[in-house]
Amino acid sequence: MLYVIIKNEKQIPENLPREISIVLPLNLSEKTFEKLINEERNVAAEMPRGIFGNAEKIASKAKRLYSLGVKRFFCPTIDAAVIAKKTGAEITASFGSNIF
């Protein structure tokens, strides 16, 4: 599977081949995720690198995205992975993961 990590809506190429999955930051609007999912794109969400007391807010957003069809979360930290795993989604370690 090939993933392209996008930081904002303006970076999404219109002609991106369907076999390439799109990874969007968790904090983007749900409408952006929903639009791409409705276009039958494979979309994942990237969890934030710093949770810092926002675990409930992040978990709530992750659950909403999962219910929209986001079935994979890229997780840069263990606490982000724990939150993402609770949604039932697949998790992938991402940039910033301190794994030996």
PDB file of N, CA and C in Angstrom:
ATOM      1  N   MET A   1       0.845  -1.170   0.000  1.00  0.00           N
ATOM      2  CA  MET A   1       0.000   0.000   0.000  1.00  0.00           C
ATOM      3  C   MET A   1       0.893   1.237   0.000  1.00  0.00           C
ATOM      4  N   LEU A   2       0.564   2.153  -0.835  1.00  0.00           N
ATOM      5  CA  LEU A   2       1.305   3.404  -0.921  1.00  0.00           C
ATOM      6  C   LEU A   2       0.448   4.520  -0.327  1.00  0.00           C
ATOM      7  N   TYR A   3       1.034   5.301   0.566  1.00  0.00           N
ATOM      8  CA  TYR A   3       0.328   6.397   1.226  1.00  0.00           C
ATOM      9  C   TYR A   3       0.989   7.717   0.870  1.00  0.00           C
ATOM     10  N   VAL A   4       0.169   8.749   0.744  1.00  0.00           N
ATOM     11  CA  VAL A   4       0.679  10.102   0.583  1.00  0.00           C
ATOM     12  C   VAL A   4       0.152  10.905   1.770  1.00  0.00           C
ATOM     13  N   ILE A   5       1.069  11.553   2.483  1.00  0.00           N
ATOM     14  CA  ILE A   5       0.680  12.320   3.668  1.00  0.00           C
ATOM     15  C   ILE A   5       0.449  13.763   3.246  1.00  0.00           C
ATOM     16  N   ILE A   6      -0.753  14.236   3.497  1.00  0.00           N
ATOM     17  CA  ILE A   6      -1.198  15.568   3.112  1.00  0.00           C
ATOM     18  C   ILE A   6      -1.375  16.401   4.381  1.00  0.00           C
ATOM     19  N   LYS A   7      -0.928  17.636   4.353  1.00  0.00           N
ATOM     20  CA  LYS A   7      -1.042  18.489   5.540  1.00  0.00           C
ATOM     21  C   LYS A   7      -2.260  19.411   5.514  1.00  0.00           C
ATOM     22  N   ASN A   8      -2.802  19.700   4.308  1.00  0.00           N
ATOM     23  CA  ASN A   8      -4.010  20.522   4.230  1.00  0.00           C
ATOM     24  C   ASN A   8      -4.754  20.202   2.932  1.00  0.00           C
ATOM     25  N   GLU A   9      -5.986  20.657   2.850  1.00  0.00           N
ATOM     26  CA  GLU A   9      -6.850  20.321   1.716  1.00  0.00           C
ATOM     27  C   GLU A   9      -6.275  20.773   0.380  1.00  0.00           C
ATOM     28  N   LYS A  10      -5.555  21.881   0.370  1.00  0.00           N
ATOM     29  CA  LYS A  10      -4.999  22.435  -0.868  1.00  0.00           C
ATOM     30  C   LYS A  10      -3.933  21.536  -1.484  1.00  0.00           C
ATOM     31  N   GLN A  11      -3.349  20.655  -0.692  1.00  0.00           N
ATOM     32  CA  GLN A  11      -2.296  19.780  -1.187  1.00  0.00           C
ATOM     33  C   GLN A  11      -2.826  18.508  -1.856  1.00  0.00           C
ATOM     34  N   ILE A  12      -4.118  18.258  -1.794  1.00  0.00           N
ATOM     35  CA  ILE A  12      -4.662  17.025  -2.360  1.00  0.00           C
ATOM     36  C   ILE A  12      -4.699  17.141  -3.881  1.00  0.00           C
ATOM     37  N   PRO A  13      -3.898  16.340  -4.582  1.00  0.00           N
ATOM     38  CA  PRO A  13      -3.900  16.416  -6.045  1.00  0.00           C
ATOM     39  C   PRO A  13      -5.207  15.856  -6.618  1.00  0.00           C
ATOM     40  N   GLU A  14      -5.740  16.531  -7.595  1.00  0.00           N
ATOM     41  CA  GLU A  14      -6.987  16.078  -8.216  1.00  0.00           C
ATOM     42  C   GLU A  14      -6.797  14.791  -8.999  1.00  0.00           C
ATOM     43  N   ASN A  15      -5.619  14.581  -9.544  1.00  0.00           N
ATOM     44  CA  ASN A  15      -5.384  13.427 -10.392  1.00  0.00           C
ATOM     45  C   ASN A  15      -4.621  12.302  -9.684  1.00  0.00           C
ATOM     46  N   LEU A  16      -4.681  12.253  -8.383  1.00  0.00           N
ATOM     47  CA  LEU A  16      -3.991  11.228  -7.614  1.00  0.00           C
ATOM     48  C   LEU A  16      -4.607   9.863  -7.929  1.00  0.00           C
ATOM     49  N   PRO A  17      -3.796   8.889  -8.346  1.00  0.00           N
ATOM     50  CA  PRO A  17      -4.339   7.563  -8.656  1.00  0.00           C
ATOM     51  C   PRO A  17      -5.081   6.953  -7.465  1.00  0.00           C
ATOM     52  N   ARG A  18      -6.130   6.231  -7.735  1.00  0.00           N
ATOM     53  CA  ARG A  18      -6.985   5.648  -6.685  1.00  0.00           C
ATOM     54  C   ARG A  18      -6.251   4.649  -5.801  1.00  0.00           C
ATOM     55  N   GLU A  19      -5.211   4.014  -6.324  1.00  0.00           N
ATOM     56  CA  GLU A  19      -4.517   3.009  -5.523  1.00  0.00           C
ATOM     57  C   GLU A  19      -3.616   3.623  -4.452  1.00  0.00           C
ATOM     58  N   ILE A  20      -3.457   4.930  -4.478  1.00  0.00           N
ATOM     59  CA  ILE A  20      -2.664   5.627  -3.453  1.00  0.00           C
ATOM     60  C   ILE A  20      -3.603   6.118  -2.360  1.00  0.00           C
ATOM     61  N   SER A  21      -3.316   5.719  -1.133  1.00  0.00           N
ATOM     62  CA  SER A  21      -4.125   6.132   0.012  1.00  0.00           C
ATOM     63  C   SER A  21      -3.708   7.517   0.483  1.00  0.00           C
ATOM     64  N   ILE A  22      -4.673   8.256   0.987  1.00  0.00           N
ATOM     65  CA  ILE A  22      -4.441   9.626   1.444  1.00  0.00           C
ATOM     66  C   ILE A  22      -4.476   9.665   2.971  1.00  0.00           C
ATOM     67  N   VAL A  23      -3.435  10.250   3.558  1.00  0.00           N
ATOM     68  CA  VAL A  23      -3.373  10.415   5.009  1.00  0.00           C
ATOM     69  C   VAL A  23      -3.542  11.902   5.309  1.00  0.00           C
ATOM     70  N   LEU A  24      -4.571  12.214   6.083  1.00  0.00           N
ATOM     71  CA  LEU A  24      -4.879  13.596   6.443  1.00  0.00           C
ATOM     72  C   LEU A  24      -4.726  13.799   7.943  1.00  0.00           C
ATOM     73  N   PRO A  25      -4.340  14.979   8.382  1.00  0.00           N
ATOM     74  CA  PRO A  25      -4.272  15.245   9.821  1.00  0.00           C
ATOM     75  C   PRO A  25      -5.660  15.114  10.460  1.00  0.00           C
ATOM     76  N   LEU A  26      -5.682  14.574  11.637  1.00  0.00           N
ATOM     77  CA  LEU A  26      -6.930  14.388  12.376  1.00  0.00           C
ATOM     78  C   LEU A  26      -7.697  15.695  12.523  1.00  0.00           C
ATOM     79  N   ASN A  27      -6.994  16.817  12.607  1.00  0.00           N
ATOM     80  CA  ASN A  27      -7.662  18.093  12.882  1.00  0.00           C
ATOM     81  C   ASN A  27      -8.326  18.727  11.660  1.00  0.00           C
ATOM     82  N   LEU A  28      -8.198  18.118  10.480  1.00  0.00           N
ATOM     83  CA  LEU A  28      -8.916  18.662   9.317  1.00  0.00           C
ATOM     84  C   LEU A  28     -10.419  18.449   9.500  1.00  0.00           C
ATOM     85  N   SER A  29     -11.197  19.185   8.755  1.00  0.00           N
ATOM     86  CA  SER A  29     -12.649  19.095   8.906  1.00  0.00           C
ATOM     87  C   SER A  29     -13.167  17.710   8.511  1.00  0.00           C
ATOM     88  N   GLU A  30     -14.196  17.297   9.200  1.00  0.00           N
ATOM     89  CA  GLU A  30     -14.824  16.015   8.884  1.00  0.00           C
ATOM     90  C   GLU A  30     -15.390  16.030   7.466  1.00  0.00           C
ATOM     91  N   LYS A  31     -15.770  17.202   6.979  1.00  0.00           N
ATOM     92  CA  LYS A  31     -16.291  17.315   5.613  1.00  0.00           C
ATOM     93  C   LYS A  31     -15.241  16.911   4.591  1.00  0.00           C
ATOM     94  N   THR A  32     -13.980  17.245   4.850  1.00  0.00           N
ATOM     95  CA  THR A  32     -12.904  16.862   3.935  1.00  0.00           C
ATOM     96  C   THR A  32     -12.763  15.348   3.896  1.00  0.00           C
ATOM     97  N   PHE A  33     -12.755  14.715   5.060  1.00  0.00           N
ATOM     98  CA  PHE A  33     -12.686  13.256   5.121  1.00  0.00           C
ATOM     99  C   PHE A  33     -13.888  12.641   4.412  1.00  0.00           C
ATOM    100  N   GLU A  34     -15.062  13.153   4.733  1.00  0.00           N
ATOM    101  CA  GLU A  34     -16.301  12.612   4.164  1.00  0.00           C
ATOM    102  C   GLU A  34     -16.317  12.737   2.639  1.00  0.00           C
ATOM    103  N   LYS A  35     -15.881  13.871   2.121  1.00  0.00           N
ATOM    104  CA  LYS A  35     -15.843  14.089   0.664  1.00  0.00           C
ATOM    105  C   LYS A  35     -14.971  13.025  -0.011  1.00  0.00           C
ATOM    106  N   LEU A  36     -13.779  12.800   0.524  1.00  0.00           N
ATOM    107  CA  LEU A  36     -12.867  11.822  -0.064  1.00  0.00           C
ATOM    108  C   LEU A  36     -13.396  10.397   0.068  1.00  0.00           C
ATOM    109  N   ILE A  37     -14.005  10.094   1.188  1.00  0.00           N
ATOM    110  CA  ILE A  37     -14.580   8.761   1.379  1.00  0.00           C
ATOM    111  C   ILE A  37     -15.730   8.554   0.409  1.00  0.00           C
ATOM    112  N   ASN A  38     -16.562   9.572   0.205  1.00  0.00           N
ATOM    113  CA  ASN A  38     -17.660   9.480  -0.758  1.00  0.00           C
ATOM    114  C   ASN A  38     -17.152   9.308  -2.186  1.00  0.00           C
ATOM    115  N   GLU A  39     -15.936   9.774  -2.447  1.00  0.00           N
ATOM    116  CA  GLU A  39     -15.297   9.580  -3.757  1.00  0.00           C
ATOM    117  C   GLU A  39     -14.626   8.210  -3.849  1.00  0.00           C
ATOM    118  N   GLU A  40     -14.863   7.383  -2.832  1.00  0.00           N
ATOM    119  CA  GLU A  40     -14.326   6.031  -2.731  1.00  0.00           C
ATOM    120  C   GLU A  40     -12.801   6.010  -2.679  1.00  0.00           C
ATOM    121  N   ARG A  41     -12.250   6.987  -1.971  1.00  0.00           N
ATOM    122  CA  ARG A  41     -10.816   7.048  -1.719  1.00  0.00           C
ATOM    123  C   ARG A  41     -10.504   6.302  -0.433  1.00  0.00           C
ATOM    124  N   ASN A  42      -9.338   5.694  -0.382  1.00  0.00           N
ATOM    125  CA  ASN A  42      -8.862   5.085   0.851  1.00  0.00           C
ATOM    126  C   ASN A  42      -8.206   6.202   1.659  1.00  0.00           C
ATOM    127  N   VAL A  43      -8.814   6.551   2.798  1.00  0.00           N
ATOM    128  CA  VAL A  43      -8.370   7.690   3.596  1.00  0.00           C
ATOM    129  C   VAL A  43      -8.000   7.230   5.000  1.00  0.00           C
ATOM    130  N   ALA A  44      -6.859   7.713   5.469  1.00  0.00           N
ATOM    131  CA  ALA A  44      -6.425   7.462   6.843  1.00  0.00           C
ATOM    132  C   ALA A  44      -6.256   8.817   7.529  1.00  0.00           C
ATOM    133  N   ALA A  45      -6.210   8.781   8.853  1.00  0.00           N
ATOM    134  CA  ALA A  45      -6.015  10.012   9.624  1.00  0.00           C
ATOM    135  C   ALA A  45      -4.720   9.913  10.413  1.00  0.00           C
ATOM    136  N   GLU A  46      -4.016  11.028  10.484  1.00  0.00           N
ATOM    137  CA  GLU A  46      -2.793  11.085  11.267  1.00  0.00           C
ATOM    138  C   GLU A  46      -3.097  11.737  12.613  1.00  0.00           C
ATOM    139  N   MET A  47      -2.830  10.993  13.659  1.00  0.00           N
ATOM    140  CA  MET A  47      -3.057  11.498  15.007  1.00  0.00           C
ATOM    141  C   MET A  47      -2.031  12.584  15.325  1.00  0.00           C
ATOM    142  N   PRO A  48      -2.358  13.520  16.227  1.00  0.00           N
ATOM    143  CA  PRO A  48      -1.405  14.567  16.588  1.00  0.00           C
ATOM    144  C   PRO A  48      -0.220  14.002  17.370  1.00  0.00           C
ATOM    145  N   ARG A  49       0.901  14.677  17.294  1.00  0.00           N
ATOM    146  CA  ARG A  49       2.106  14.252  17.997  1.00  0.00           C
ATOM    147  C   ARG A  49       2.029  14.568  19.482  1.00  0.00           C
ATOM    148  N   GLY A  50       1.251  15.564  19.858  1.00  0.00           N
ATOM    149  CA  GLY A  50       1.116  15.929  21.262  1.00  0.00           C
ATOM    150  C   GLY A  50      -0.340  15.855  21.698  1.00  0.00           C
ATOM    151  N   ILE A  51      -0.632  15.016  22.656  1.00  0.00           N
ATOM    152  CA  ILE A  51      -2.002  14.876  23.167  1.00  0.00           C
ATOM    153  C   ILE A  51      -2.256  15.947  24.239  1.00  0.00           C
ATOM    154  N   PHE A  52      -1.323  16.112  25.164  1.00  0.00           N
ATOM    155  CA  PHE A  52      -1.305  17.188  26.165  1.00  0.00           C
ATOM    156  C   PHE A  52      -2.667  17.537  26.773  1.00  0.00           C
ATOM    157  N   GLY A  53      -3.318  16.583  27.387  1.00  0.00           N
ATOM    158  CA  GLY A  53      -4.582  16.864  28.068  1.00  0.00           C
ATOM    159  C   GLY A  53      -5.787  16.934  27.147  1.00  0.00           C
ATOM    160  N   ASN A  54      -5.609  16.667  25.880  1.00  0.00           N
ATOM    161  CA  ASN A  54      -6.726  16.708  24.919  1.00  0.00           C
ATOM    162  C   ASN A  54      -7.184  15.316  24.494  1.00  0.00           C
ATOM    163  N   ALA A  55      -6.897  14.316  25.304  1.00  0.00           N
ATOM    164  CA  ALA A  55      -7.188  12.933  24.927  1.00  0.00           C
ATOM    165  C   ALA A  55      -8.674  12.712  24.623  1.00  0.00           C
ATOM    166  N   GLU A  56      -9.553  13.263  25.443  1.00  0.00           N
ATOM    167  CA  GLU A  56     -10.994  13.056  25.226  1.00  0.00           C
ATOM    168  C   GLU A  56     -11.457  13.696  23.920  1.00  0.00           C
ATOM    169  N   LYS A  57     -11.005  14.893  23.647  1.00  0.00           N
ATOM    170  CA  LYS A  57     -11.360  15.594  22.416  1.00  0.00           C
ATOM    171  C   LYS A  57     -10.835  14.835  21.187  1.00  0.00           C
ATOM    172  N   ILE A  58      -9.593  14.373  21.264  1.00  0.00           N
ATOM    173  CA  ILE A  58      -8.988  13.632  20.168  1.00  0.00           C
ATOM    174  C   ILE A  58      -9.690  12.289  19.974  1.00  0.00           C
ATOM    175  N   ALA A  59      -9.994  11.609  21.063  1.00  0.00           N
ATOM    176  CA  ALA A  59     -10.694  10.328  20.979  1.00  0.00           C
ATOM    177  C   ALA A  59     -12.073  10.503  20.354  1.00  0.00           C
ATOM    178  N   SER A  60     -12.766  11.559  20.718  1.00  0.00           N
ATOM    179  CA  SER A  60     -14.095  11.827  20.160  1.00  0.00           C
ATOM    180  C   SER A  60     -14.020  12.044  18.647  1.00  0.00           C
ATOM    181  N   LYS A  61     -13.048  12.834  18.218  1.00  0.00           N
ATOM    182  CA  LYS A  61     -12.876  13.095  16.785  1.00  0.00           C
ATOM    183  C   LYS A  61     -12.501  11.803  16.055  1.00  0.00           C
ATOM    184  N   ALA A  62     -11.606  11.012  16.642  1.00  0.00           N
ATOM    185  CA  ALA A  62     -11.198   9.745  16.025  1.00  0.00           C
ATOM    186  C   ALA A  62     -12.398   8.804  15.864  1.00  0.00           C
ATOM    187  N   LYS A  63     -13.253   8.745  16.873  1.00  0.00           N
ATOM    188  CA  LYS A  63     -14.453   7.896  16.789  1.00  0.00           C
ATOM    189  C   LYS A  63     -15.392   8.373  15.688  1.00  0.00           C
ATOM    190  N   ARG A  64     -15.562   9.676  15.563  1.00  0.00           N
ATOM    191  CA  ARG A  64     -16.426  10.213  14.501  1.00  0.00           C
ATOM    192  C   ARG A  64     -15.857   9.888  13.119  1.00  0.00           C
ATOM    193  N   LEU A  65     -14.545  10.044  12.972  1.00  0.00           N
ATOM    194  CA  LEU A  65     -13.919   9.732  11.688  1.00  0.00           C
ATOM    195  C   LEU A  65     -14.034   8.251  11.366  1.00  0.00           C
ATOM    196  N   TYR A  66     -13.865   7.411  12.378  1.00  0.00           N
ATOM    197  CA  TYR A  66     -14.013   5.963  12.166  1.00  0.00           C
ATOM    198  C   TYR A  66     -15.431   5.646  11.685  1.00  0.00           C
ATOM    199  N   SER A  67     -16.411   6.293  12.287  1.00  0.00           N
ATOM    200  CA  SER A  67     -17.802   6.036  11.884  1.00  0.00           C
ATOM    201  C   SER A  67     -18.083   6.540  10.463  1.00  0.00           C
ATOM    202  N   LEU A  68     -17.296   7.530   9.996  1.00  0.00           N
ATOM    203  CA  LEU A  68     -17.441   8.024   8.619  1.00  0.00           C
ATOM    204  C   LEU A  68     -16.795   7.082   7.606  1.00  0.00           C
ATOM    205  N   GLY A  69     -15.847   6.259   8.072  1.00  0.00           N
ATOM    206  CA  GLY A  69     -15.181   5.328   7.166  1.00  0.00           C
ATOM    207  C   GLY A  69     -13.665   5.350   7.208  1.00  0.00           C
ATOM    208  N   VAL A  70     -13.081   6.124   8.112  1.00  0.00           N
ATOM    209  CA  VAL A  70     -11.626   6.125   8.274  1.00  0.00           C
ATOM    210  C   VAL A  70     -11.277   4.886   9.098  1.00  0.00           C
ATOM    211  N   LYS A  71     -10.582   3.941   8.468  1.00  0.00           N
ATOM    212  CA  LYS A  71     -10.304   2.665   9.130  1.00  0.00           C
ATOM    213  C   LYS A  71      -8.833   2.471   9.492  1.00  0.00           C
ATOM    214  N   ARG A  72      -8.013   3.503   9.294  1.00  0.00           N
ATOM    215  CA  ARG A  72      -6.602   3.436   9.673  1.00  0.00           C
ATOM    216  C   ARG A  72      -6.164   4.789  10.231  1.00  0.00           C
ATOM    217  N   PHE A  73      -5.400   4.718  11.322  1.00  0.00           N
ATOM    218  CA  PHE A  73      -4.836   5.917  11.935  1.00  0.00           C
ATOM    219  C   PHE A  73      -3.322   5.780  11.991  1.00  0.00           C
ATOM    220  N   PHE A  74      -2.624   6.807  11.546  1.00  0.00           N
ATOM    221  CA  PHE A  74      -1.181   6.872  11.661  1.00  0.00           C
ATOM    222  C   PHE A  74      -0.875   7.519  13.008  1.00  0.00           C
ATOM    223  N   CYS A  75      -0.050   6.845  13.808  1.00  0.00           N
ATOM    224  CA  CYS A  75       0.162   7.266  15.199  1.00  0.00           C
ATOM    225  C   CYS A  75       1.638   7.522  15.477  1.00  0.00           C
ATOM    226  N   PRO A  76       1.980   8.762  15.817  1.00  0.00           N
ATOM    227  CA  PRO A  76       3.379   9.097  16.087  1.00  0.00           C
ATOM    228  C   PRO A  76       3.815   8.807  17.524  1.00  0.00           C
ATOM    229  N   THR A  77       2.870   8.509  18.405  1.00  0.00           N
ATOM    230  CA  THR A  77       3.204   8.247  19.813  1.00  0.00           C
ATOM    231  C   THR A  77       2.362   7.087  20.335  1.00  0.00           C
ATOM    232  N   ILE A  78       2.811   6.522  21.432  1.00  0.00           N
ATOM    233  CA  ILE A  78       2.083   5.404  22.037  1.00  0.00           C
ATOM    234  C   ILE A  78       0.708   5.846  22.522  1.00  0.00           C
ATOM    235  N   ASP A  79       0.606   7.029  23.140  1.00  0.00           N
ATOM    236  CA  ASP A  79      -0.698   7.468  23.632  1.00  0.00           C
ATOM    237  C   ASP A  79      -1.674   7.685  22.469  1.00  0.00           C
ATOM    238  N   ALA A  80      -1.179   8.165  21.334  1.00  0.00           N
ATOM    239  CA  ALA A  80      -2.042   8.310  20.158  1.00  0.00           C
ATOM    240  C   ALA A  80      -2.493   6.933  19.657  1.00  0.00           C
ATOM    241  N   ALA A  81      -1.592   5.963  19.692  1.00  0.00           N
ATOM    242  CA  ALA A  81      -1.939   4.602  19.259  1.00  0.00           C
ATOM    243  C   ALA A  81      -3.007   3.988  20.150  1.00  0.00           C
ATOM    244  N   VAL A  82      -2.920   4.234  21.443  1.00  0.00           N
ATOM    245  CA  VAL A  82      -3.921   3.704  22.383  1.00  0.00           C
ATOM    246  C   VAL A  82      -5.297   4.304  22.066  1.00  0.00           C
ATOM    247  N   ILE A  83      -5.348   5.590  21.847  1.00  0.00           N
ATOM    248  CA  ILE A  83      -6.619   6.254  21.517  1.00  0.00           C
ATOM    249  C   ILE A  83      -7.167   5.706  20.208  1.00  0.00           C
ATOM    250  N   ALA A  84      -6.323   5.611  19.186  1.00  0.00           N
ATOM    251  CA  ALA A  84      -6.772   5.137  17.870  1.00  0.00           C
ATOM    252  C   ALA A  84      -7.246   3.692  17.928  1.00  0.00           C
ATOM    253  N   LYS A  85      -6.536   2.859  18.644  1.00  0.00           N
ATOM    254  CA  LYS A  85      -6.896   1.432  18.731  1.00  0.00           C
ATOM    255  C   LYS A  85      -8.273   1.247  19.353  1.00  0.00           C
ATOM    256  N   LYS A  86      -8.649   2.121  20.277  1.00  0.00           N
ATOM    257  CA  LYS A  86      -9.959   2.023  20.927  1.00  0.00           C
ATOM    258  C   LYS A  86     -11.113   2.269  19.965  1.00  0.00           C
ATOM    259  N   THR A  87     -10.843   2.879  18.802  1.00  0.00           N
ATOM    260  CA  THR A  87     -11.904   3.096  17.811  1.00  0.00           C
ATOM    261  C   THR A  87     -12.236   1.810  17.071  1.00  0.00           C
ATOM    262  N   GLY A  88     -11.294   0.853  17.079  1.00  0.00           N
ATOM    263  CA  GLY A  88     -11.458  -0.367  16.307  1.00  0.00           C
ATOM    264  C   GLY A  88     -10.687  -0.326  14.998  1.00  0.00           C
ATOM    265  N   ALA A  89     -10.013   0.790  14.741  1.00  0.00           N
ATOM    266  CA  ALA A  89      -9.286   0.975  13.488  1.00  0.00           C
ATOM    267  C   ALA A  89      -7.935   0.268  13.518  1.00  0.00           C
ATOM    268  N   GLU A  90      -7.359   0.129  12.334  1.00  0.00           N
ATOM    269  CA  GLU A  90      -5.981  -0.331  12.182  1.00  0.00           C
ATOM    270  C   GLU A  90      -5.081   0.831  12.578  1.00  0.00           C
ATOM    271  N   ILE A  91      -3.906   0.527  13.110  1.00  0.00           N
ATOM    272  CA  ILE A  91      -2.968   1.589  13.438  1.00  0.00           C
ATOM    273  C   ILE A  91      -1.632   1.331  12.742  1.00  0.00           C
ATOM    274  N   THR A  92      -0.966   2.417  12.394  1.00  0.00           N
ATOM    275  CA  THR A  92       0.349   2.369  11.767  1.00  0.00           C
ATOM    276  C   THR A  92       1.240   3.367  12.498  1.00  0.00           C
ATOM    277  N   ALA A  93       2.426   2.912  12.885  1.00  0.00           N
ATOM    278  CA  ALA A  93       3.381   3.829  13.502  1.00  0.00           C
ATOM    279  C   ALA A  93       3.818   4.826  12.443  1.00  0.00           C
ATOM    280  N   SER A  94       3.908   6.078  12.826  1.00  0.00           N
ATOM    281  CA  SER A  94       4.262   7.109  11.851  1.00  0.00           C
ATOM    282  C   SER A  94       5.475   7.899  12.323  1.00  0.00           C
ATOM    283  N   PHE A  95       5.806   8.930  11.529  1.00  0.00           N
ATOM    284  CA  PHE A  95       6.947   9.769  11.832  1.00  0.00           C
ATOM    285  C   PHE A  95       6.896  10.261  13.278  1.00  0.00           C
ATOM    286  N   GLY A  96       7.974  10.128  13.951  1.00  0.00           N
ATOM    287  CA  GLY A  96       8.046  10.548  15.347  1.00  0.00           C
ATOM    288  C   GLY A  96       7.965   9.399  16.309  1.00  0.00           C
ATOM    289  N   SER A  97       7.565   8.216  15.820  1.00  0.00           N
ATOM    290  CA  SER A  97       7.487   7.051  16.703  1.00  0.00           C
ATOM    291  C   SER A  97       8.876   6.685  17.164  1.00  0.00           C
ATOM    292  N   ASN A  98       9.017   6.489  18.437  1.00  0.00           N
ATOM    293  CA  ASN A  98      10.311   6.122  19.019  1.00  0.00           C
ATOM    294  C   ASN A  98      10.281   4.620  19.277  1.00  0.00           C
ATOM    295  N   ILE A  99      10.564   3.874  18.217  1.00  0.00           N
ATOM    296  CA  ILE A  99      10.475   2.418  18.307  1.00  0.00           C
ATOM    297  C   ILE A  99      11.854   1.810  18.070  1.00  0.00           C
ATOM    298  N   PHE A 100      12.234   0.894  18.937  1.00  0.00           N
ATOM    299  CA  PHE A 100      13.529   0.213  18.781  1.00  0.00           C
ATOM    300  C   PHE A 100      13.274  -1.204  18.345  1.00  0.00           C
TER     301      PHE A 100
END
